[in-house]
Amino acid sequence: MILTPTPLEEGKLTDAMQLVLATNNIDKIKEIKLLLDDSPLTVLTADDFLEFPDPEETGTTLEENARLKARVIAEFTGHAALADDSGLEVDALDGAPGVYSSRYAGEDVTYADNNRKLLQELQGVPHAKRTARFRCVIAIDWGHGETDICEGTADGFITEKVAGREGFGYDPVFFYPPANKRFSEMTLEEKNRVSHRGLALQAARKVLQKQLTKHT
């Protein structure tokens, strides 16, 4: 069923029970929906709406972009919206690609393009200096100026070559020491337990549960 966007109404129970994922990225949707699968929320995606917006990420920080996307989708759909912005911060590159991770190699590029550029930039850098971290900031916009922010971080190293068949983005070059494998070598369930997005969503679940309790 395709839904028609409706205005947010303060205090309305369905605002708390229905949550829209503010992304058109099918890989992110898959990860997020798995982590929210056992919640009492009705999780909606772009497929549930006509002409779903794709907000331009004009922020200079992950939090700014997450807030921006959540606000646009909350206003468009009339429901609470959850948006995330994630980035890979590489120490040898002074924190790059950071907030520009998805377009590191340019506009409309593939995951492979970004990974290729990253490995080129790190060519010759020894393992000990290839430290990096994934960061994820999640914004939940409830409407009427109320927004909750949750964060998650995963530390690791950038490998010298691409490997693994799972995950997306920079997962094929991100080695996570506690698991002794790349994110791309983990199942989705394994990755969600330790990844930046998984940890941010675990925090977001607590925020969502608190909000649900207020409306019941």
C-alpha atoms as a PDB file:
ATOM      1  CA  MET A   1       0.000   0.000   0.000  1.00  0.00           C
ATOM      2  CA  ILE A   2       1.333   3.436  -0.954  1.00  0.00           C
ATOM      3  CA  LEU A   3       0.756   6.043   1.746  1.00  0.00           C
ATOM      4  CA  THR A   4      -0.129   9.678   1.271  1.00  0.00           C
ATOM      5  CA  PRO A   5       1.987  12.063   3.390  1.00  0.00           C
ATOM      6  CA  THR A   6       0.032  13.754   6.184  1.00  0.00           C
ATOM      7  CA  PRO A   7       0.854  16.633   8.554  1.00  0.00           C
ATOM      8  CA  LEU A   8       2.421  15.784  11.894  1.00  0.00           C
ATOM      9  CA  GLU A   9      -0.060  16.032  14.736  1.00  0.00           C
ATOM     10  CA  GLU A  10       1.361  16.575  18.193  1.00  0.00           C
ATOM     11  CA  GLY A  11       0.563  13.824  20.678  1.00  0.00           C
ATOM     12  CA  LYS A  12      -0.943  11.484  18.106  1.00  0.00           C
ATOM     13  CA  LEU A  13      -0.279   7.834  19.010  1.00  0.00           C
ATOM     14  CA  THR A  14       0.539   6.782  15.441  1.00  0.00           C
ATOM     15  CA  ASP A  15       3.378   9.318  15.341  1.00  0.00           C
ATOM     16  CA  ALA A  16       5.175   7.178  17.940  1.00  0.00           C
ATOM     17  CA  MET A  17       4.158   3.811  16.482  1.00  0.00           C
ATOM     18  CA  GLN A  18       5.166   4.501  12.875  1.00  0.00           C
ATOM     19  CA  LEU A  19       8.760   5.287  11.993  1.00  0.00           C
ATOM     20  CA  VAL A  20      10.033   6.176   8.531  1.00  0.00           C
ATOM     21  CA  LEU A  21      13.607   5.317   7.538  1.00  0.00           C
ATOM     22  CA  ALA A  22      14.940   8.475   5.919  1.00  0.00           C
ATOM     23  CA  THR A  23      17.099   6.859   3.262  1.00  0.00           C
ATOM     24  CA  ASN A  24      16.929   5.490  -0.255  1.00  0.00           C
ATOM     25  CA  ASN A  25      19.976   3.256   0.343  1.00  0.00           C
ATOM     26  CA  ILE A  26      18.722  -0.332   0.230  1.00  0.00           C
ATOM     27  CA  ASP A  27      21.803  -1.618   2.056  1.00  0.00           C
ATOM     28  CA  LYS A  28      21.201   0.703   5.003  1.00  0.00           C
ATOM     29  CA  ILE A  29      17.496  -0.168   5.027  1.00  0.00           C
ATOM     30  CA  LYS A  30      18.358  -3.866   5.260  1.00  0.00           C
ATOM     31  CA  GLU A  31      20.665  -3.344   8.246  1.00  0.00           C
ATOM     32  CA  ILE A  32      18.323  -1.000  10.100  1.00  0.00           C
ATOM     33  CA  LYS A  33      15.178  -3.074   9.572  1.00  0.00           C
ATOM     34  CA  LEU A  34      16.935  -6.179  10.907  1.00  0.00           C
ATOM     35  CA  LEU A  35      17.829  -4.376  14.125  1.00  0.00           C
ATOM     36  CA  LEU A  36      14.286  -3.019  14.545  1.00  0.00           C
ATOM     37  CA  ASP A  37      12.587  -6.237  13.454  1.00  0.00           C
ATOM     38  CA  ASP A  38      11.399  -7.267  16.925  1.00  0.00           C
ATOM     39  CA  SER A  39      10.242  -3.802  18.005  1.00  0.00           C
ATOM     40  CA  PRO A  40       6.548  -2.804  18.216  1.00  0.00           C
ATOM     41  CA  LEU A  41       7.151  -0.062  15.660  1.00  0.00           C
ATOM     42  CA  THR A  42       5.748  -0.113  12.152  1.00  0.00           C
ATOM     43  CA  VAL A  43       8.849   0.632  10.084  1.00  0.00           C
ATOM     44  CA  LEU A  44       8.140   2.440   6.807  1.00  0.00           C
ATOM     45  CA  THR A  45      10.525   3.016   3.910  1.00  0.00           C
ATOM     46  CA  ALA A  46      10.661   4.934   0.659  1.00  0.00           C
ATOM     47  CA  ASP A  47       8.644   2.166  -1.018  1.00  0.00           C
ATOM     48  CA  ASP A  48       5.642   3.094   1.140  1.00  0.00           C
ATOM     49  CA  PHE A  49       5.366   6.623  -0.273  1.00  0.00           C
ATOM     50  CA  LEU A  50       4.944   8.332  -3.609  1.00  0.00           C
ATOM     51  CA  GLU A  51       7.753  10.667  -4.731  1.00  0.00           C
ATOM     52  CA  PHE A  52       9.870  10.038  -1.633  1.00  0.00           C
ATOM     53  CA  PRO A  53      12.473  12.851  -1.297  1.00  0.00           C
ATOM     54  CA  ASP A  54      16.223  12.331  -1.466  1.00  0.00           C
ATOM     55  CA  PRO A  55      17.550  15.229   0.647  1.00  0.00           C
ATOM     56  CA  GLU A  56      20.854  16.732  -0.440  1.00  0.00           C
ATOM     57  CA  GLU A  57      23.526  16.259   2.223  1.00  0.00           C
ATOM     58  CA  THR A  58      24.708  19.841   2.602  1.00  0.00           C
ATOM     59  CA  GLY A  59      25.942  19.547   6.201  1.00  0.00           C
ATOM     60  CA  THR A  60      29.608  19.722   7.147  1.00  0.00           C
ATOM     61  CA  THR A  61      29.269  17.125   9.919  1.00  0.00           C
ATOM     62  CA  LEU A  62      27.615  13.726  10.235  1.00  0.00           C
ATOM     63  CA  GLU A  63      25.160  15.101  12.798  1.00  0.00           C
ATOM     64  CA  GLU A  64      24.135  18.003  10.574  1.00  0.00           C
ATOM     65  CA  ASN A  65      23.377  15.637   7.696  1.00  0.00           C
ATOM     66  CA  ALA A  66      21.477  13.179   9.893  1.00  0.00           C
ATOM     67  CA  ARG A  67      19.339  15.974  11.361  1.00  0.00           C
ATOM     68  CA  LEU A  68      18.692  17.447   7.916  1.00  0.00           C
ATOM     69  CA  LYS A  69      17.534  14.147   6.382  1.00  0.00           C
ATOM     70  CA  ALA A  70      15.341  13.226   9.347  1.00  0.00           C
ATOM     71  CA  ARG A  71      13.649  16.647   9.332  1.00  0.00           C
ATOM     72  CA  VAL A  72      12.904  16.600   5.599  1.00  0.00           C
ATOM     73  CA  ILE A  73      11.383  13.117   5.735  1.00  0.00           C
ATOM     74  CA  ALA A  74       9.395  13.804   8.929  1.00  0.00           C
ATOM     75  CA  GLU A  75       7.885  16.893   7.321  1.00  0.00           C
ATOM     76  CA  PHE A  76       7.153  15.069   4.066  1.00  0.00           C
ATOM     77  CA  THR A  77       5.577  11.927   5.528  1.00  0.00           C
ATOM     78  CA  GLY A  78       3.890  13.239   8.651  1.00  0.00           C
ATOM     79  CA  HIS A  79       5.559  10.517  10.730  1.00  0.00           C
ATOM     80  CA  ALA A  80       8.606  10.341  12.954  1.00  0.00           C
ATOM     81  CA  ALA A  81      11.723   9.743  10.858  1.00  0.00           C
ATOM     82  CA  LEU A  82      15.056   8.075  11.530  1.00  0.00           C
ATOM     83  CA  ALA A  83      18.095   9.102   9.500  1.00  0.00           C
ATOM     84  CA  ASP A  84      21.722   8.175   9.802  1.00  0.00           C
ATOM     85  CA  ASP A  85      24.890   9.614   8.369  1.00  0.00           C
ATOM     86  CA  SER A  86      28.011   7.533   8.550  1.00  0.00           C
ATOM     87  CA  GLY A  87      31.622   8.125   7.656  1.00  0.00           C
ATOM     88  CA  LEU A  88      35.023   6.484   7.631  1.00  0.00           C
ATOM     89  CA  GLU A  89      37.770   8.463   9.349  1.00  0.00           C
ATOM     90  CA  VAL A  90      41.323   7.449   8.431  1.00  0.00           C
ATOM     91  CA  ASP A  91      44.044   8.812  10.715  1.00  0.00           C
ATOM     92  CA  ALA A  92      46.767   8.859   8.037  1.00  0.00           C
ATOM     93  CA  LEU A  93      44.463  11.034   5.910  1.00  0.00           C
ATOM     94  CA  ASP A  94      43.686  13.487   8.722  1.00  0.00           C
ATOM     95  CA  GLY A  95      40.202  12.049   9.183  1.00  0.00           C
ATOM     96  CA  ALA A  96      39.253  11.839   5.510  1.00  0.00           C
ATOM     97  CA  PRO A  97      37.034  10.847   3.843  1.00  0.00           C
ATOM     98  CA  GLY A  98      34.798  11.540   6.869  1.00  0.00           C
ATOM     99  CA  VAL A  99      31.515  13.272   6.075  1.00  0.00           C
ATOM    100  CA  TYR A 100      32.294  12.913   2.356  1.00  0.00           C
ATOM    101  CA  SER A 101      32.739   9.127   2.523  1.00  0.00           C
ATOM    102  CA  SER A 102      29.907   8.280   0.118  1.00  0.00           C
ATOM    103  CA  ARG A 103      31.270  10.613  -2.556  1.00  0.00           C
ATOM    104  CA  TYR A 104      35.004  10.375  -1.848  1.00  0.00           C
ATOM    105  CA  ALA A 105      35.833   9.531  -5.470  1.00  0.00           C
ATOM    106  CA  GLY A 106      33.291  12.006  -6.858  1.00  0.00           C
ATOM    107  CA  GLU A 107      29.547  12.308  -7.433  1.00  0.00           C
ATOM    108  CA  ASP A 108      27.533   9.260  -8.527  1.00  0.00           C
ATOM    109  CA  VAL A 109      30.400   6.843  -7.871  1.00  0.00           C
ATOM    110  CA  THR A 110      30.277   3.196  -6.870  1.00  0.00           C
ATOM    111  CA  TYR A 111      31.464   1.592  -3.650  1.00  0.00           C
ATOM    112  CA  ALA A 112      34.346   0.127  -5.663  1.00  0.00           C
ATOM    113  CA  ASP A 113      35.365   3.592  -6.884  1.00  0.00           C
ATOM    114  CA  ASN A 114      35.606   4.892  -3.320  1.00  0.00           C
ATOM    115  CA  ASN A 115      37.560   1.870  -2.120  1.00  0.00           C
ATOM    116  CA  ARG A 116      39.955   2.149  -5.030  1.00  0.00           C
ATOM    117  CA  LYS A 117      40.694   5.791  -4.298  1.00  0.00           C
ATOM    118  CA  LEU A 118      41.152   5.095  -0.581  1.00  0.00           C
ATOM    119  CA  LEU A 119      43.683   2.330  -1.217  1.00  0.00           C
ATOM    120  CA  GLN A 120      45.538   4.551  -3.684  1.00  0.00           C
ATOM    121  CA  GLU A 121      45.760   7.340  -1.104  1.00  0.00           C
ATOM    122  CA  LEU A 122      47.168   4.886   1.451  1.00  0.00           C
ATOM    123  CA  GLN A 123      49.625   3.210  -0.868  1.00  0.00           C
ATOM    124  CA  GLY A 124      52.903   2.667   0.972  1.00  0.00           C
ATOM    125  CA  VAL A 125      51.440   3.466   4.416  1.00  0.00           C
ATOM    126  CA  PRO A 126      52.421   0.667   6.878  1.00  0.00           C
ATOM    127  CA  HIS A 127      49.793  -1.345   8.732  1.00  0.00           C
ATOM    128  CA  ALA A 128      50.442   0.319  12.091  1.00  0.00           C
ATOM    129  CA  LYS A 129      49.566   3.709  10.609  1.00  0.00           C
ATOM    130  CA  ARG A 130      46.438   2.575   8.763  1.00  0.00           C
ATOM    131  CA  THR A 131      44.203   3.044  11.805  1.00  0.00           C
ATOM    132  CA  ALA A 132      40.652   4.157  11.101  1.00  0.00           C
ATOM    133  CA  ARG A 133      37.185   4.250  12.551  1.00  0.00           C
ATOM    134  CA  PHE A 134      33.659   4.121  11.277  1.00  0.00           C
ATOM    135  CA  ARG A 135      31.326   6.660  12.878  1.00  0.00           C
ATOM    136  CA  CYS A 136      27.548   6.733  12.668  1.00  0.00           C
ATOM    137  CA  VAL A 137      25.212   9.456  13.876  1.00  0.00           C
ATOM    138  CA  ILE A 138      21.482   8.709  13.994  1.00  0.00           C
ATOM    139  CA  ALA A 139      18.845  11.419  14.232  1.00  0.00           C
ATOM    140  CA  ILE A 140      15.243  10.628  15.167  1.00  0.00           C
ATOM    141  CA  ASP A 141      12.983  13.544  14.331  1.00  0.00           C
ATOM    142  CA  TRP A 142       9.668  13.362  16.198  1.00  0.00           C
ATOM    143  CA  GLY A 143       8.368  16.585  14.701  1.00  0.00           C
ATOM    144  CA  HIS A 144       7.740  19.987  16.330  1.00  0.00           C
ATOM    145  CA  GLY A 145      11.454  20.601  16.902  1.00  0.00           C
ATOM    146  CA  GLU A 146      12.088  17.469  18.943  1.00  0.00           C
ATOM    147  CA  THR A 147      15.077  15.413  17.753  1.00  0.00           C
ATOM    148  CA  ASP A 148      17.112  12.704  19.489  1.00  0.00           C
ATOM    149  CA  ILE A 149      20.716  11.955  18.525  1.00  0.00           C
ATOM    150  CA  CYS A 150      22.547   8.625  18.967  1.00  0.00           C
ATOM    151  CA  GLU A 151      26.103   7.711  17.977  1.00  0.00           C
ATOM    152  CA  GLY A 152      28.201   4.617  17.422  1.00  0.00           C
ATOM    153  CA  THR A 153      31.887   4.025  16.618  1.00  0.00           C
ATOM    154  CA  ALA A 154      33.914   1.025  15.446  1.00  0.00           C
ATOM    155  CA  ASP A 155      37.727   1.124  15.412  1.00  0.00           C
ATOM    156  CA  GLY A 156      39.933  -0.855  13.074  1.00  0.00           C
ATOM    157  CA  PHE A 157      42.483  -0.759  10.268  1.00  0.00           C
ATOM    158  CA  ILE A 158      42.369  -0.213   6.514  1.00  0.00           C
ATOM    159  CA  THR A 159      43.631  -3.283   4.670  1.00  0.00           C
ATOM    160  CA  GLU A 160      45.885  -3.183   1.608  1.00  0.00           C
ATOM    161  CA  LYS A 161      43.386  -4.889  -0.674  1.00  0.00           C
ATOM    162  CA  VAL A 162      39.685  -5.562  -1.082  1.00  0.00           C
ATOM    163  CA  ALA A 163      38.243  -8.860   0.152  1.00  0.00           C
ATOM    164  CA  GLY A 164      34.990 -10.382   1.369  1.00  0.00           C
ATOM    165  CA  ARG A 165      31.542 -10.656  -0.174  1.00  0.00           C
ATOM    166  CA  GLU A 166      29.247  -9.250   2.514  1.00  0.00           C
ATOM    167  CA  GLY A 167      28.377  -5.708   3.553  1.00  0.00           C
ATOM    168  CA  PHE A 168      28.755  -2.583   1.444  1.00  0.00           C
ATOM    169  CA  GLY A 169      30.646   0.699   1.270  1.00  0.00           C
ATOM    170  CA  TYR A 170      34.101   0.459   2.788  1.00  0.00           C
ATOM    171  CA  ASP A 171      33.426  -2.888   4.481  1.00  0.00           C
ATOM    172  CA  PRO A 172      35.789  -4.790   2.108  1.00  0.00           C
ATOM    173  CA  VAL A 173      38.784  -2.744   3.289  1.00  0.00           C
ATOM    174  CA  PHE A 174      37.881  -2.298   6.976  1.00  0.00           C
ATOM    175  CA  PHE A 175      39.519  -4.851   9.287  1.00  0.00           C
ATOM    176  CA  TYR A 176      37.969  -5.168  12.749  1.00  0.00           C
ATOM    177  CA  PRO A 177      40.593  -6.600  15.184  1.00  0.00           C
ATOM    178  CA  PRO A 178      38.246  -8.016  17.896  1.00  0.00           C
ATOM    179  CA  ALA A 179      36.655 -10.297  15.288  1.00  0.00           C
ATOM    180  CA  ASN A 180      39.903 -10.815  13.319  1.00  0.00           C
ATOM    181  CA  LYS A 181      38.075 -10.182  10.050  1.00  0.00           C
ATOM    182  CA  ARG A 182      36.822  -7.466   7.749  1.00  0.00           C
ATOM    183  CA  PHE A 183      33.249  -6.210   8.046  1.00  0.00           C
ATOM    184  CA  SER A 184      32.754  -7.707   4.567  1.00  0.00           C
ATOM    185  CA  GLU A 185      33.621 -11.127   5.995  1.00  0.00           C
ATOM    186  CA  MET A 186      30.914 -10.997   8.666  1.00  0.00           C
ATOM    187  CA  THR A 187      27.299 -12.038   8.434  1.00  0.00           C
ATOM    188  CA  LEU A 188      24.832  -9.188   8.781  1.00  0.00           C
ATOM    189  CA  GLU A 189      23.957 -10.393  12.279  1.00  0.00           C
ATOM    190  CA  GLU A 190      27.637 -10.426  13.318  1.00  0.00           C
ATOM    191  CA  LYS A 191      28.269  -7.004  11.869  1.00  0.00           C
ATOM    192  CA  ASN A 192      25.205  -5.457  13.508  1.00  0.00           C
ATOM    193  CA  ARG A 193      26.467  -6.480  16.946  1.00  0.00           C
ATOM    194  CA  VAL A 194      29.722  -4.522  16.645  1.00  0.00           C
ATOM    195  CA  SER A 195      29.452  -2.003  13.805  1.00  0.00           C
ATOM    196  CA  HIS A 196      29.127   1.743  14.136  1.00  0.00           C
ATOM    197  CA  ARG A 197      25.585   1.644  12.763  1.00  0.00           C
ATOM    198  CA  GLY A 198      24.672  -1.350  14.894  1.00  0.00           C
ATOM    199  CA  LEU A 199      25.864   0.366  18.086  1.00  0.00           C
ATOM    200  CA  ALA A 200      24.116   3.625  17.180  1.00  0.00           C
ATOM    201  CA  LEU A 201      20.908   1.708  16.485  1.00  0.00           C
ATOM    202  CA  GLN A 202      21.157  -0.139  19.781  1.00  0.00           C
ATOM    203  CA  ALA A 203      21.200   3.274  21.467  1.00  0.00           C
ATOM    204  CA  ALA A 204      18.361   4.428  19.214  1.00  0.00           C
ATOM    205  CA  ARG A 205      16.242   1.434  20.236  1.00  0.00           C
ATOM    206  CA  LYS A 206      16.353   2.663  23.836  1.00  0.00           C
ATOM    207  CA  VAL A 207      15.269   6.127  22.733  1.00  0.00           C
ATOM    208  CA  LEU A 208      12.444   4.653  20.650  1.00  0.00           C
ATOM    209  CA  GLN A 209      11.269   2.464  23.513  1.00  0.00           C
ATOM    210  CA  LYS A 210      11.226   5.453  25.856  1.00  0.00           C
ATOM    211  CA  GLN A 211       9.148   7.431  23.349  1.00  0.00           C
ATOM    212  CA  LEU A 212       6.736   4.535  22.893  1.00  0.00           C
ATOM    213  CA  THR A 213       6.288   4.251  26.638  1.00  0.00           C
ATOM    214  CA  LYS A 214       5.292   7.929  26.801  1.00  0.00           C
ATOM    215  CA  HIS A 215       2.442   7.236  24.358  1.00  0.00           C
ATOM    216  CA  THR A 216       1.049   4.103  25.989  1.00  0.00           C
END
